[in-house]
């Protein structure tokens, strides 16, 4: 079994990486691959790609794999919440940078009120009974708007 999580977007030639994965696996071996889709740039300057489901599946096929299982990492609701919290953190940091005193205190208070508290409130509401909402197909399993993709692939002979 080969595990490749959140790596391919940092390689200039992801198909070559997948070819190497196929080379080291025996026939019938398993590759577990995850890639981001809706995700901000990170580890710059080496962040090159965002993969659609058809795109990553095609790369796996070209490298000699058969996709046997697929899962989207969150649906529309999760993507929107993730983007909202990232946006809040971005503006908190921008505002704090303009303050000439109390930057650290402002960041702690603002993050607590605008990011941490809402996240914990959402988790509490979901525990209270909102898990059904997360499992609604339109909100939880959208393969078109997701944080990323997880695939299990088998190396062909």
Protein backbone atom coordinates (compact mmCIF):
# COMPACT_ATOMS: atom_id res chain seq x y z
CA UNK A 1 0.00 0.00 0.00
CA UNK A 2 1.21 3.47 -0.89
CA UNK A 3 -0.10 6.59 0.86
CA UNK A 4 0.12 9.94 -0.96
CA UNK A 5 -1.77 12.68 0.88
CA UNK A 6 -1.74 16.31 -0.19
CA UNK A 7 1.51 15.92 -2.15
CA UNK A 8 0.68 15.97 -5.85
CA UNK A 9 -0.26 19.65 -5.88
CA UNK A 10 3.31 20.44 -4.79
CA UNK A 11 4.98 18.58 -7.66
CA UNK A 12 5.57 20.11 -11.06
CA UNK A 13 4.97 16.74 -12.71
CA UNK A 14 2.29 14.82 -10.78
CA UNK A 15 1.98 12.16 -13.48
CA UNK A 16 5.66 11.28 -13.01
CA UNK A 17 5.06 10.89 -9.28
CA UNK A 18 2.14 8.56 -9.96
CA UNK A 19 4.23 6.56 -12.46
CA UNK A 20 6.85 6.11 -9.73
CA UNK A 21 4.13 5.04 -7.29
CA UNK A 22 3.00 2.43 -9.81
CA UNK A 23 6.59 1.29 -10.32
CA UNK A 24 7.19 0.54 -6.63
CA UNK A 25 3.83 -1.17 -6.05
CA UNK A 26 3.31 -4.80 -6.94
CA UNK A 27 0.44 -5.63 -9.31
CA UNK A 28 -2.81 -5.38 -7.37
CA UNK A 29 -1.18 -3.04 -4.84
CA UNK A 30 -3.19 -0.18 -3.40
CA UNK A 31 -2.55 3.56 -3.62
CA UNK A 32 -4.46 5.94 -1.36
CA UNK A 33 -4.28 9.43 -2.81
CA UNK A 34 -5.75 12.70 -1.56
CA UNK A 35 -5.57 16.07 -3.27
CA UNK A 36 -7.06 19.50 -2.50
CA UNK A 37 -9.66 21.21 -4.64
CA UNK A 38 -11.00 24.34 -2.90
CA UNK A 39 -7.99 25.33 -0.84
CA UNK A 40 -5.84 28.46 -0.64
CA UNK A 41 -2.28 28.57 -1.88
CA UNK A 42 0.16 27.13 0.63
CA UNK A 43 3.81 26.15 0.84
CA UNK A 44 4.58 28.74 -1.82
CA UNK A 45 6.28 28.84 -4.24
CA UNK A 46 5.70 25.09 -4.64
CA UNK A 47 1.91 24.90 -4.93
CA UNK A 48 1.09 24.17 -8.56
CA UNK A 49 -2.27 22.40 -8.98
CA UNK A 50 -5.85 21.94 -7.85
CA UNK A 51 -7.35 18.73 -9.16
CA UNK A 52 -10.89 18.06 -10.30
CA UNK A 53 -12.21 14.55 -9.77
CA UNK A 54 -11.99 13.70 -13.49
CA UNK A 55 -8.49 15.17 -13.62
CA UNK A 56 -7.01 13.11 -10.78
CA UNK A 57 -8.82 9.98 -11.98
CA UNK A 58 -7.34 10.46 -15.47
CA UNK A 59 -3.82 10.88 -14.04
CA UNK A 60 -4.22 7.69 -12.02
CA UNK A 61 -5.41 5.77 -15.11
CA UNK A 62 -2.49 7.09 -17.18
CA UNK A 63 -0.11 5.90 -14.45
CA UNK A 64 -1.55 2.38 -14.55
CA UNK A 65 -4.15 2.44 -11.78
CA UNK A 66 -7.83 1.62 -11.58
CA UNK A 67 -9.84 3.83 -9.20
CA UNK A 68 -11.84 1.55 -6.90
CA UNK A 69 -13.18 4.05 -4.37
CA UNK A 70 -13.77 7.81 -4.21
CA UNK A 71 -14.81 10.21 -1.47
CA UNK A 72 -15.26 13.97 -1.52
CA UNK A 73 -13.91 15.82 1.52
CA UNK A 74 -16.95 17.82 2.52
CA UNK A 75 -19.64 19.36 0.41
CA UNK A 76 -20.93 22.84 -0.24
CA UNK A 77 -21.73 23.66 3.40
CA UNK A 78 -18.26 22.62 4.58
CA UNK A 79 -16.58 24.59 1.78
CA UNK A 80 -18.57 27.72 2.58
CA UNK A 81 -17.82 27.47 6.29
CA UNK A 82 -14.13 26.89 5.60
CA UNK A 83 -13.97 29.91 3.29
CA UNK A 84 -15.86 32.10 5.79
CA UNK A 85 -13.46 31.25 8.60
CA UNK A 86 -10.41 31.75 6.36
CA UNK A 87 -11.81 35.14 5.28
CA UNK A 88 -12.34 36.16 8.91
CA UNK A 89 -8.77 35.20 9.86
CA UNK A 90 -7.39 37.10 6.86
CA UNK A 91 -9.19 40.32 7.82
CA UNK A 92 -8.33 39.96 11.49
CA UNK A 93 -4.64 39.77 10.54
CA UNK A 94 -4.94 42.74 8.16
CA UNK A 95 -6.67 44.92 10.75
CA UNK A 96 -4.22 43.90 13.48
CA UNK A 97 -1.29 44.86 11.25
CA UNK A 98 -2.63 48.44 11.10
CA UNK A 99 -2.91 48.81 14.86
CA UNK A 100 -0.04 50.58 16.56
CA UNK A 101 -0.73 48.93 19.91
CA UNK A 102 -2.52 45.85 21.21
CA UNK A 103 -2.10 43.78 18.05
CA UNK A 104 -1.73 40.52 19.95
CA UNK A 105 -4.71 41.18 22.23
CA UNK A 106 -6.86 42.24 19.25
CA UNK A 107 -5.96 39.07 17.33
CA UNK A 108 -6.75 36.82 20.29
CA UNK A 109 -10.10 38.50 21.00
CA UNK A 110 -11.16 38.77 17.36
CA UNK A 111 -10.19 35.20 16.52
CA UNK A 112 -12.00 33.98 19.60
CA UNK A 113 -15.19 35.88 18.75
CA UNK A 114 -15.19 35.54 14.96
CA UNK A 115 -13.53 32.17 14.39
CA UNK A 116 -13.18 29.90 17.42
CA UNK A 117 -16.55 30.63 19.05
CA UNK A 118 -18.58 30.16 15.82
CA UNK A 119 -16.69 26.95 15.01
CA UNK A 120 -17.40 25.52 18.45
CA UNK A 121 -21.02 26.64 18.25
CA UNK A 122 -21.43 24.88 14.90
CA UNK A 123 -19.89 21.68 16.29
CA UNK A 124 -22.19 21.86 19.35
CA UNK A 125 -25.25 22.34 17.12
CA UNK A 126 -24.21 19.43 14.95
CA UNK A 127 -23.75 17.22 18.00
CA UNK A 128 -27.17 18.29 19.22
CA UNK A 129 -28.78 16.82 16.13
CA UNK A 130 -27.68 18.62 13.04
CA UNK A 131 -25.60 15.72 11.67
CA UNK A 132 -28.54 14.91 9.40
CA UNK A 133 -28.02 18.28 7.73
CA UNK A 134 -24.39 17.44 7.03
CA UNK A 135 -25.47 14.19 5.43
CA UNK A 136 -27.90 15.85 3.05
CA UNK A 137 -26.53 14.93 -0.40
CA UNK A 138 -26.49 18.50 -1.69
CA UNK A 139 -24.54 19.76 1.32
CA UNK A 140 -22.24 16.91 2.21
CA UNK A 141 -21.39 14.91 -0.85
CA UNK A 142 -21.11 17.41 -3.65
CA UNK A 143 -18.31 16.16 -5.85
CA UNK A 144 -18.33 19.46 -7.72
CA UNK A 145 -17.58 21.78 -4.81
CA UNK A 146 -15.48 20.07 -2.18
CA UNK A 147 -12.36 20.77 -0.13
CA UNK A 148 -10.63 17.87 -1.84
CA UNK A 149 -10.72 14.34 -3.14
CA UNK A 150 -9.65 11.02 -1.62
CA UNK A 151 -9.19 8.06 -3.96
CA UNK A 152 -8.25 4.45 -3.48
CA UNK A 153 -6.70 2.96 -6.60
CA UNK A 154 -5.42 -0.48 -7.48
CA UNK A 155 -2.34 -0.98 -9.63
CA UNK A 156 -3.19 -2.91 -12.76
CA UNK A 157 -1.02 -5.83 -13.83
